[in-house]
Amino acid sequence: MKIDKEILRDLIREEYSGDEYDCVFEGEWKDGGKYAEQQIVIKDNSTGKHYVYYHARSGSYFSSYEYGIDWESSKVIELTEVELKEVTIQQWVTVKENK
């Protein structure tokens, strides 16, 4: 299921300040040279569902960036949260010799 892009546009313009949606995660910018993207996860408070989309920017660290979303190709995808179990890693290490 995908969230309506009109709702997402309104959400972005309001900077997640509405009662209907909350931003629950903003990832680090992944630099691809002239272009970079950032993962955003939002929660629909009426349904409890989570959605992800990618915010894009272009430009330069040394000058300025332009931010936006390519609305024609942008996909907003529903996510589900899963609980990961603890993992134990066994490792062999060198024993120091007593002299």
PDB file of N, CA and C in Angstrom:
ATOM      1  N   MET A   1       0.833  -1.177   0.000  1.00  0.00           N
ATOM      2  CA  MET A   1       0.000   0.000   0.000  1.00  0.00           C
ATOM      3  C   MET A   1       0.877   1.239   0.000  1.00  0.00           C
ATOM      4  N   LYS A   2       0.494   2.257  -0.768  1.00  0.00           N
ATOM      5  CA  LYS A   2       1.252   3.492  -0.831  1.00  0.00           C
ATOM      6  C   LYS A   2       0.434   4.637  -0.266  1.00  0.00           C
ATOM      7  N   ILE A   3       1.102   5.556   0.402  1.00  0.00           N
ATOM      8  CA  ILE A   3       0.428   6.742   0.908  1.00  0.00           C
ATOM      9  C   ILE A   3       0.189   7.700  -0.262  1.00  0.00           C
ATOM     10  N   ASP A   4      -0.900   8.422  -0.228  1.00  0.00           N
ATOM     11  CA  ASP A   4      -1.254   9.366  -1.275  1.00  0.00           C
ATOM     12  C   ASP A   4      -0.196  10.466  -1.346  1.00  0.00           C
ATOM     13  N   LYS A   5       0.303  10.752  -2.547  1.00  0.00           N
ATOM     14  CA  LYS A   5       1.352  11.756  -2.701  1.00  0.00           C
ATOM     15  C   LYS A   5       0.877  13.152  -2.323  1.00  0.00           C
ATOM     16  N   GLU A   6      -0.394  13.438  -2.472  1.00  0.00           N
ATOM     17  CA  GLU A   6      -0.923  14.740  -2.048  1.00  0.00           C
ATOM     18  C   GLU A   6      -0.804  14.894  -0.534  1.00  0.00           C
ATOM     19  N   ILE A   7      -1.083  13.827   0.198  1.00  0.00           N
ATOM     20  CA  ILE A   7      -0.942  13.856   1.658  1.00  0.00           C
ATOM     21  C   ILE A   7       0.519  14.070   2.021  1.00  0.00           C
ATOM     22  N   LEU A   8       1.413  13.377   1.328  1.00  0.00           N
ATOM     23  CA  LEU A   8       2.845  13.514   1.595  1.00  0.00           C
ATOM     24  C   LEU A   8       3.307  14.940   1.308  1.00  0.00           C
ATOM     25  N   ARG A   9       2.862  15.529   0.219  1.00  0.00           N
ATOM     26  CA  ARG A   9       3.230  16.912  -0.092  1.00  0.00           C
ATOM     27  C   ARG A   9       2.819  17.852   1.038  1.00  0.00           C
ATOM     28  N   ASP A  10       1.583  17.698   1.517  1.00  0.00           N
ATOM     29  CA  ASP A  10       1.104  18.535   2.611  1.00  0.00           C
ATOM     30  C   ASP A  10       1.940  18.312   3.870  1.00  0.00           C
ATOM     31  N   LEU A  11       2.274  17.053   4.120  1.00  0.00           N
ATOM     32  CA  LEU A  11       3.059  16.698   5.288  1.00  0.00           C
ATOM     33  C   LEU A  11       4.431  17.362   5.237  1.00  0.00           C
ATOM     34  N   ILE A  12       5.074  17.323   4.088  1.00  0.00           N
ATOM     35  CA  ILE A  12       6.399  17.918   3.939  1.00  0.00           C
ATOM     36  C   ILE A  12       6.316  19.430   4.098  1.00  0.00           C
ATOM     37  N   ARG A  13       5.320  20.042   3.509  1.00  0.00           N
ATOM     38  CA  ARG A  13       5.162  21.495   3.632  1.00  0.00           C
ATOM     39  C   ARG A  13       4.966  21.917   5.081  1.00  0.00           C
ATOM     40  N   GLU A  14       4.275  21.077   5.857  1.00  0.00           N
ATOM     41  CA  GLU A  14       4.046  21.384   7.270  1.00  0.00           C
ATOM     42  C   GLU A  14       5.203  20.929   8.153  1.00  0.00           C
ATOM     43  N   GLU A  15       6.209  20.320   7.552  1.00  0.00           N
ATOM     44  CA  GLU A  15       7.375  19.809   8.277  1.00  0.00           C
ATOM     45  C   GLU A  15       6.977  18.881   9.418  1.00  0.00           C
ATOM     46  N   TYR A  16       6.072  17.977   9.138  1.00  0.00           N
ATOM     47  CA  TYR A  16       5.663  16.925  10.068  1.00  0.00           C
ATOM     48  C   TYR A  16       4.991  17.473  11.319  1.00  0.00           C
ATOM     49  N   SER A  17       4.411  18.660  11.248  1.00  0.00           N
ATOM     50  CA  SER A  17       3.877  19.287  12.449  1.00  0.00           C
ATOM     51  C   SER A  17       2.405  18.957  12.708  1.00  0.00           C
ATOM     52  N   GLY A  18       1.757  18.270  11.800  1.00  0.00           N
ATOM     53  CA  GLY A  18       0.343  17.974  12.000  1.00  0.00           C
ATOM     54  C   GLY A  18       0.119  16.867  13.012  1.00  0.00           C
ATOM     55  N   ASP A  19      -1.139  16.712  13.430  1.00  0.00           N
ATOM     56  CA  ASP A  19      -1.481  15.654  14.365  1.00  0.00           C
ATOM     57  C   ASP A  19      -1.629  14.305  13.671  1.00  0.00           C
ATOM     58  N   GLU A  20      -1.838  14.339  12.352  1.00  0.00           N
ATOM     59  CA  GLU A  20      -2.099  13.098  11.619  1.00  0.00           C
ATOM     60  C   GLU A  20      -0.850  12.279  11.351  1.00  0.00           C
ATOM     61  N   TYR A  21       0.300  12.939  11.193  1.00  0.00           N
ATOM     62  CA  TYR A  21       1.538  12.251  10.840  1.00  0.00           C
ATOM     63  C   TYR A  21       2.681  12.735  11.716  1.00  0.00           C
ATOM     64  N   ASP A  22       3.628  11.835  11.958  1.00  0.00           N
ATOM     65  CA  ASP A  22       4.855  12.190  12.678  1.00  0.00           C
ATOM     66  C   ASP A  22       6.043  11.659  11.889  1.00  0.00           C
ATOM     67  N   CYS A  23       7.124  12.423  11.899  1.00  0.00           N
ATOM     68  CA  CYS A  23       8.383  11.934  11.345  1.00  0.00           C
ATOM     69  C   CYS A  23       9.045  11.126  12.455  1.00  0.00           C
ATOM     70  N   VAL A  24       9.324   9.849  12.202  1.00  0.00           N
ATOM     71  CA  VAL A  24       9.918   9.004  13.237  1.00  0.00           C
ATOM     72  C   VAL A  24      11.389   8.699  12.969  1.00  0.00           C
ATOM     73  N   PHE A  25      11.880   9.015  11.756  1.00  0.00           N
ATOM     74  CA  PHE A  25      13.284   8.764  11.443  1.00  0.00           C
ATOM     75  C   PHE A  25      13.712   9.631  10.270  1.00  0.00           C
ATOM     76  N   GLU A  26      14.844  10.303  10.424  1.00  0.00           N
ATOM     77  CA  GLU A  26      15.483  11.021   9.333  1.00  0.00           C
ATOM     78  C   GLU A  26      16.894  10.480   9.219  1.00  0.00           C
ATOM     79  N   GLY A  27      17.187   9.780   8.134  1.00  0.00           N
ATOM     80  CA  GLY A  27      18.497   9.183   7.948  1.00  0.00           C
ATOM     81  C   GLY A  27      19.558  10.208   7.596  1.00  0.00           C
ATOM     82  N   GLU A  28      20.789   9.770   7.582  1.00  0.00           N
ATOM     83  CA  GLU A  28      21.904  10.609   7.163  1.00  0.00           C
ATOM     84  C   GLU A  28      21.830  10.816   5.649  1.00  0.00           C
ATOM     85  N   TRP A  29      22.340  11.925   5.186  1.00  0.00           N
ATOM     86  CA  TRP A  29      22.409  12.168   3.744  1.00  0.00           C
ATOM     87  C   TRP A  29      23.448  11.239   3.139  1.00  0.00           C
ATOM     88  N   LYS A  30      23.067  10.515   2.094  1.00  0.00           N
ATOM     89  CA  LYS A  30      23.995   9.642   1.364  1.00  0.00           C
ATOM     90  C   LYS A  30      24.446  10.402   0.128  1.00  0.00           C
ATOM     91  N   ASP A  31      25.715  10.753   0.131  1.00  0.00           N
ATOM     92  CA  ASP A  31      26.261  11.592  -0.922  1.00  0.00           C
ATOM     93  C   ASP A  31      26.572  10.777  -2.162  1.00  0.00           C
ATOM     94  N   GLY A  32      26.115  11.275  -3.295  1.00  0.00           N
ATOM     95  CA  GLY A  32      26.402  10.640  -4.573  1.00  0.00           C
ATOM     96  C   GLY A  32      27.089  11.615  -5.515  1.00  0.00           C
ATOM     97  N   GLY A  33      27.924  12.515  -4.953  1.00  0.00           N
ATOM     98  CA  GLY A  33      28.563  13.537  -5.774  1.00  0.00           C
ATOM     99  C   GLY A  33      27.699  14.775  -5.814  1.00  0.00           C
ATOM    100  N   LYS A  34      27.195  15.079  -6.993  1.00  0.00           N
ATOM    101  CA  LYS A  34      26.355  16.275  -7.154  1.00  0.00           C
ATOM    102  C   LYS A  34      24.977  16.083  -6.507  1.00  0.00           C
ATOM    103  N   TYR A  35      24.566  14.839  -6.370  1.00  0.00           N
ATOM    104  CA  TYR A  35      23.243  14.537  -5.807  1.00  0.00           C
ATOM    105  C   TYR A  35      23.394  13.746  -4.515  1.00  0.00           C
ATOM    106  N   ALA A  36      22.431  13.917  -3.619  1.00  0.00           N
ATOM    107  CA  ALA A  36      22.411  13.149  -2.372  1.00  0.00           C
ATOM    108  C   ALA A  36      20.961  12.844  -2.033  1.00  0.00           C
ATOM    109  N   GLU A  37      20.759  11.786  -1.224  1.00  0.00           N
ATOM    110  CA  GLU A  37      19.400  11.456  -0.798  1.00  0.00           C
ATOM    111  C   GLU A  37      19.382  11.130   0.678  1.00  0.00           C
ATOM    112  N   GLN A  38      18.203  11.316   1.271  1.00  0.00           N
ATOM    113  CA  GLN A  38      18.006  11.076   2.694  1.00  0.00           C
ATOM    114  C   GLN A  38      16.726  10.274   2.875  1.00  0.00           C
ATOM    115  N   GLN A  39      16.805   9.227   3.686  1.00  0.00           N
ATOM    116  CA  GLN A  39      15.633   8.400   3.970  1.00  0.00           C
ATOM    117  C   GLN A  39      14.804   9.053   5.074  1.00  0.00           C
ATOM    118  N   ILE A  40      13.492   9.151   4.845  1.00  0.00           N
ATOM    119  CA  ILE A  40      12.562   9.713   5.812  1.00  0.00           C
ATOM    120  C   ILE A  40      11.490   8.656   6.101  1.00  0.00           C
ATOM    121  N   VAL A  41      11.220   8.388   7.381  1.00  0.00           N
ATOM    122  CA  VAL A  41      10.154   7.459   7.770  1.00  0.00           C
ATOM    123  C   VAL A  41       9.105   8.261   8.534  1.00  0.00           C
ATOM    124  N   ILE A  42       7.859   8.146   8.102  1.00  0.00           N
ATOM    125  CA  ILE A  42       6.760   8.850   8.749  1.00  0.00           C
ATOM    126  C   ILE A  42       5.733   7.843   9.259  1.00  0.00           C
ATOM    127  N   LYS A  43       4.990   8.265  10.280  1.00  0.00           N
ATOM    128  CA  LYS A  43       3.951   7.407  10.853  1.00  0.00           C
ATOM    129  C   LYS A  43       2.600   8.076  10.656  1.00  0.00           C
ATOM    130  N   ASP A  44       1.647   7.320  10.147  1.00  0.00           N
ATOM    131  CA  ASP A  44       0.265   7.766  10.035  1.00  0.00           C
ATOM    132  C   ASP A  44      -0.386   7.458  11.380  1.00  0.00           C
ATOM    133  N   ASN A  45      -0.640   8.478  12.179  1.00  0.00           N
ATOM    134  CA  ASN A  45      -1.150   8.272  13.540  1.00  0.00           C
ATOM    135  C   ASN A  45      -2.550   7.677  13.578  1.00  0.00           C
ATOM    136  N   SER A  46      -3.338   7.851  12.510  1.00  0.00           N
ATOM    137  CA  SER A  46      -4.699   7.302  12.513  1.00  0.00           C
ATOM    138  C   SER A  46      -4.710   5.793  12.297  1.00  0.00           C
ATOM    139  N   THR A  47      -3.704   5.278  11.578  1.00  0.00           N
ATOM    140  CA  THR A  47      -3.665   3.842  11.296  1.00  0.00           C
ATOM    141  C   THR A  47      -2.510   3.127  12.000  1.00  0.00           C
ATOM    142  N   GLY A  48      -1.509   3.895  12.439  1.00  0.00           N
ATOM    143  CA  GLY A  48      -0.321   3.298  13.046  1.00  0.00           C
ATOM    144  C   GLY A  48       0.671   2.784  12.019  1.00  0.00           C
ATOM    145  N   LYS A  49       0.380   2.980  10.720  1.00  0.00           N
ATOM    146  CA  LYS A  49       1.273   2.486   9.665  1.00  0.00           C
ATOM    147  C   LYS A  49       2.432   3.446   9.455  1.00  0.00           C
ATOM    148  N   HIS A  50       3.563   2.877   9.012  1.00  0.00           N
ATOM    149  CA  HIS A  50       4.771   3.650   8.733  1.00  0.00           C
ATOM    150  C   HIS A  50       5.062   3.610   7.237  1.00  0.00           C
ATOM    151  N   TYR A  51       5.608   4.727   6.740  1.00  0.00           N
ATOM    152  CA  TYR A  51       5.950   4.841   5.319  1.00  0.00           C
ATOM    153  C   TYR A  51       7.344   5.433   5.192  1.00  0.00           C
ATOM    154  N   VAL A  52       8.031   5.052   4.104  1.00  0.00           N
ATOM    155  CA  VAL A  52       9.362   5.583   3.825  1.00  0.00           C
ATOM    156  C   VAL A  52       9.346   6.260   2.461  1.00  0.00           C
ATOM    157  N   TYR A  53      10.107   7.334   2.358  1.00  0.00           N
ATOM    158  CA  TYR A  53      10.351   7.976   1.069  1.00  0.00           C
ATOM    159  C   TYR A  53      11.743   8.587   1.135  1.00  0.00           C
ATOM    160  N   TYR A  54      12.242   9.034  -0.002  1.00  0.00           N
ATOM    161  CA  TYR A  54      13.585   9.596  -0.069  1.00  0.00           C
ATOM    162  C   TYR A  54      13.528  11.048  -0.506  1.00  0.00           C
ATOM    163  N   HIS A  55      14.123  11.900   0.306  1.00  0.00           N
ATOM    164  CA  HIS A  55      14.230  13.323   0.039  1.00  0.00           C
ATOM    165  C   HIS A  55      15.546  13.509  -0.712  1.00  0.00           C
ATOM    166  N   ALA A  56      15.551  14.320  -1.758  1.00  0.00           N
ATOM    167  CA  ALA A  56      16.742  14.497  -2.584  1.00  0.00           C
ATOM    168  C   ALA A  56      17.257  15.923  -2.499  1.00  0.00           C
ATOM    169  N   ARG A  57      18.548  16.076  -2.744  1.00  0.00           N
ATOM    170  CA  ARG A  57      19.127  17.406  -2.871  1.00  0.00           C
ATOM    171  C   ARG A  57      20.216  17.371  -3.937  1.00  0.00           C
ATOM    172  N   SER A  58      20.433  18.502  -4.565  1.00  0.00           N
ATOM    173  CA  SER A  58      21.505  18.627  -5.545  1.00  0.00           C
ATOM    174  C   SER A  58      22.206  19.947  -5.305  1.00  0.00           C
ATOM    175  N   GLY A  59      23.435  20.018  -5.740  1.00  0.00           N
ATOM    176  CA  GLY A  59      24.218  21.229  -5.541  1.00  0.00           C
ATOM    177  C   GLY A  59      25.546  20.897  -4.912  1.00  0.00           C
ATOM    178  N   SER A  60      26.046  21.818  -4.083  1.00  0.00           N
ATOM    179  CA  SER A  60      27.379  21.671  -3.534  1.00  0.00           C
ATOM    180  C   SER A  60      27.426  22.127  -2.083  1.00  0.00           C
ATOM    181  N   TYR A  61      28.224  21.438  -1.312  1.00  0.00           N
ATOM    182  CA  TYR A  61      28.488  21.817   0.076  1.00  0.00           C
ATOM    183  C   TYR A  61      29.092  23.226   0.131  1.00  0.00           C
ATOM    184  N   PHE A  62      29.872  23.552  -0.881  1.00  0.00           N
ATOM    185  CA  PHE A  62      30.584  24.830  -0.896  1.00  0.00           C
ATOM    186  C   PHE A  62      29.729  25.993  -1.380  1.00  0.00           C
ATOM    187  N   SER A  63      28.622  25.707  -2.051  1.00  0.00           N
ATOM    188  CA  SER A  63      27.765  26.807  -2.505  1.00  0.00           C
ATOM    189  C   SER A  63      26.393  26.689  -1.839  1.00  0.00           C
ATOM    190  N   SER A  64      25.493  25.943  -2.447  1.00  0.00           N
ATOM    191  CA  SER A  64      24.167  25.758  -1.856  1.00  0.00           C
ATOM    192  C   SER A  64      23.521  24.503  -2.421  1.00  0.00           C
ATOM    193  N   TYR A  65      22.450  24.067  -1.768  1.00  0.00           N
ATOM    194  CA  TYR A  65      21.697  22.896  -2.204  1.00  0.00           C
ATOM    195  C   TYR A  65      20.285  23.306  -2.595  1.00  0.00           C
ATOM    196  N   GLU A  66      19.726  22.547  -3.503  1.00  0.00           N
ATOM    197  CA  GLU A  66      18.304  22.636  -3.821  1.00  0.00           C
ATOM    198  C   GLU A  66      17.682  21.327  -3.363  1.00  0.00           C
ATOM    199  N   TYR A  67      16.582  21.414  -2.628  1.00  0.00           N
ATOM    200  CA  TYR A  67      15.936  20.241  -2.054  1.00  0.00           C
ATOM    201  C   TYR A  67      14.628  19.966  -2.777  1.00  0.00           C
ATOM    202  N   GLY A  68      14.242  18.700  -2.803  1.00  0.00           N
ATOM    203  CA  GLY A  68      12.963  18.371  -3.383  1.00  0.00           C
ATOM    204  C   GLY A  68      12.747  16.881  -3.503  1.00  0.00           C
ATOM    205  N   ILE A  69      11.624  16.560  -4.106  1.00  0.00           N
ATOM    206  CA  ILE A  69      11.253  15.175  -4.371  1.00  0.00           C
ATOM    207  C   ILE A  69      10.817  15.107  -5.817  1.00  0.00           C
ATOM    208  N   ASP A  70      11.280  14.090  -6.536  1.00  0.00           N
ATOM    209  CA  ASP A  70      10.825  13.871  -7.907  1.00  0.00           C
ATOM    210  C   ASP A  70       9.478  13.161  -7.804  1.00  0.00           C
ATOM    211  N   TRP A  71       8.393  13.926  -7.913  1.00  0.00           N
ATOM    212  CA  TRP A  71       7.059  13.388  -7.667  1.00  0.00           C
ATOM    213  C   TRP A  71       6.631  12.374  -8.708  1.00  0.00           C
ATOM    214  N   GLU A  72       7.236  12.413  -9.896  1.00  0.00           N
ATOM    215  CA  GLU A  72       6.858  11.455 -10.940  1.00  0.00           C
ATOM    216  C   GLU A  72       7.404  10.066 -10.647  1.00  0.00           C
ATOM    217  N   SER A  73       8.623  10.003 -10.143  1.00  0.00           N
ATOM    218  CA  SER A  73       9.244   8.686  -9.928  1.00  0.00           C
ATOM    219  C   SER A  73       9.356   8.302  -8.455  1.00  0.00           C
ATOM    220  N   SER A  74       9.030   9.231  -7.554  1.00  0.00           N
ATOM    221  CA  SER A  74       9.166   8.952  -6.128  1.00  0.00           C
ATOM    222  C   SER A  74       8.179   7.876  -5.688  1.00  0.00           C
ATOM    223  N   LYS A  75       8.675   6.943  -4.915  1.00  0.00           N
ATOM    224  CA  LYS A  75       7.830   5.885  -4.368  1.00  0.00           C
ATOM    225  C   LYS A  75       7.780   6.046  -2.855  1.00  0.00           C
ATOM    226  N   VAL A  76       6.598   6.014  -2.321  1.00  0.00           N
ATOM    227  CA  VAL A  76       6.396   6.043  -0.874  1.00  0.00           C
ATOM    228  C   VAL A  76       5.877   4.659  -0.517  1.00  0.00           C
ATOM    229  N   ILE A  77       6.622   3.932   0.294  1.00  0.00           N
ATOM    230  CA  ILE A  77       6.345   2.518   0.524  1.00  0.00           C
ATOM    231  C   ILE A  77       6.029   2.288   1.994  1.00  0.00           C
ATOM    232  N   GLU A  78       5.046   1.424   2.245  1.00  0.00           N
ATOM    233  CA  GLU A  78       4.688   1.082   3.619  1.00  0.00           C
ATOM    234  C   GLU A  78       5.759   0.188   4.223  1.00  0.00           C
ATOM    235  N   LEU A  79       6.082   0.441   5.485  1.00  0.00           N
ATOM    236  CA  LEU A  79       7.063  -0.344   6.237  1.00  0.00           C
ATOM    237  C   LEU A  79       6.398  -1.008   7.424  1.00  0.00           C
ATOM    238  N   THR A  80       7.033  -2.018   7.949  1.00  0.00           N
ATOM    239  CA  THR A  80       6.618  -2.610   9.207  1.00  0.00           C
ATOM    240  C   THR A  80       7.852  -2.744  10.085  1.00  0.00           C
ATOM    241  N   GLU A  81       7.695  -2.535  11.365  1.00  0.00           N
ATOM    242  CA  GLU A  81       8.807  -2.627  12.298  1.00  0.00           C
ATOM    243  C   GLU A  81       8.936  -4.068  12.774  1.00  0.00           C
ATOM    244  N   VAL A  82      10.155  -4.577  12.801  1.00  0.00           N
ATOM    245  CA  VAL A  82      10.405  -5.937  13.280  1.00  0.00           C
ATOM    246  C   VAL A  82      11.410  -5.878  14.424  1.00  0.00           C
ATOM    247  N   GLU A  83      11.272  -6.810  15.340  1.00  0.00           N
ATOM    248  CA  GLU A  83      12.188  -6.895  16.463  1.00  0.00           C
ATOM    249  C   GLU A  83      13.280  -7.887  16.135  1.00  0.00           C
ATOM    250  N   LEU A  84      14.528  -7.448  16.256  1.00  0.00           N
ATOM    251  CA  LEU A  84      15.659  -8.329  15.988  1.00  0.00           C
ATOM    252  C   LEU A  84      16.110  -8.962  17.294  1.00  0.00           C
ATOM    253  N   LYS A  85      16.502 -10.225  17.204  1.00  0.00           N
ATOM    254  CA  LYS A  85      16.967 -10.929  18.390  1.00  0.00           C
ATOM    255  C   LYS A  85      18.453 -10.671  18.591  1.00  0.00           C
ATOM    256  N   GLU A  86      18.879 -10.771  19.825  1.00  0.00           N
ATOM    257  CA  GLU A  86      20.278 -10.551  20.154  1.00  0.00           C
ATOM    258  C   GLU A  86      21.138 -11.632  19.498  1.00  0.00           C
ATOM    259  N   VAL A  87      22.282 -11.224  18.988  1.00  0.00           N
ATOM    260  CA  VAL A  87      23.201 -12.145  18.332  1.00  0.00           C
ATOM    261  C   VAL A  87      24.491 -12.184  19.134  1.00  0.00           C
ATOM    262  N   THR A  88      24.997 -13.394  19.405  1.00  0.00           N
ATOM    263  CA  THR A  88      26.268 -13.567  20.100  1.00  0.00           C
ATOM    264  C   THR A  88      27.312 -13.988  19.072  1.00  0.00           C
ATOM    265  N   ILE A  89      28.446 -13.302  19.101  1.00  0.00           N
ATOM    266  CA  ILE A  89      29.526 -13.614  18.169  1.00  0.00           C
ATOM    267  C   ILE A  89      30.682 -14.192  18.963  1.00  0.00           C
ATOM    268  N   GLN A  90      31.142 -15.374  18.545  1.00  0.00           N
ATOM    269  CA  GLN A  90      32.283 -15.999  19.212  1.00  0.00           C
ATOM    270  C   GLN A  90      33.519 -15.682  18.394  1.00  0.00           C
ATOM    271  N   GLN A  91      34.588 -15.275  19.086  1.00  0.00           N
ATOM    272  CA  GLN A  91      35.804 -14.880  18.402  1.00  0.00           C
ATOM    273  C   GLN A  91      36.995 -15.476  19.128  1.00  0.00           C
ATOM    274  N   TRP A  92      38.031 -15.860  18.378  1.00  0.00           N
ATOM    275  CA  TRP A  92      39.260 -16.388  18.953  1.00  0.00           C
ATOM    276  C   TRP A  92      40.299 -15.275  18.979  1.00  0.00           C
ATOM    277  N   VAL A  93      40.988 -15.144  20.120  1.00  0.00           N
ATOM    278  CA  VAL A  93      42.020 -14.120  20.240  1.00  0.00           C
ATOM    279  C   VAL A  93      43.311 -14.770  20.730  1.00  0.00           C
ATOM    280  N   THR A  94      44.423 -14.130  20.462  1.00  0.00           N
ATOM    281  CA  THR A  94      45.728 -14.630  20.854  1.00  0.00           C
ATOM    282  C   THR A  94      45.918 -14.449  22.357  1.00  0.00           C
ATOM    283  N   VAL A  95      46.473 -15.491  23.001  1.00  0.00           N
ATOM    284  CA  VAL A  95      46.768 -15.432  24.424  1.00  0.00           C
ATOM    285  C   VAL A  95      48.168 -14.858  24.580  1.00  0.00           C
ATOM    286  N   LYS A  96      48.313 -13.855  25.453  1.00  0.00           N
ATOM    287  CA  LYS A  96      49.631 -13.267  25.680  1.00  0.00           C
ATOM    288  C   LYS A  96      50.481 -14.243  26.485  1.00  0.00           C
ATOM    289  N   GLU A  97      51.718 -14.387  26.043  1.00  0.00           N
ATOM    290  CA  GLU A  97      52.635 -15.287  26.741  1.00  0.00           C
ATOM    291  C   GLU A  97      53.259 -14.575  27.919  1.00  0.00           C
ATOM    292  N   ASN A  98      53.411 -15.294  29.060  1.00  0.00           N
ATOM    293  CA  ASN A  98      54.110 -14.753  30.229  1.00  0.00           C
ATOM    294  C   ASN A  98      55.586 -15.063  30.101  1.00  0.00           C
ATOM    295  N   LYS A  99      56.449 -14.096  30.237  1.00  0.00           N
ATOM    296  CA  LYS A  99      57.897 -14.344  30.127  1.00  0.00           C
ATOM    297  C   LYS A  99      58.592 -14.069  31.414  1.00  0.00           C
TER     298      LYS A  99
END
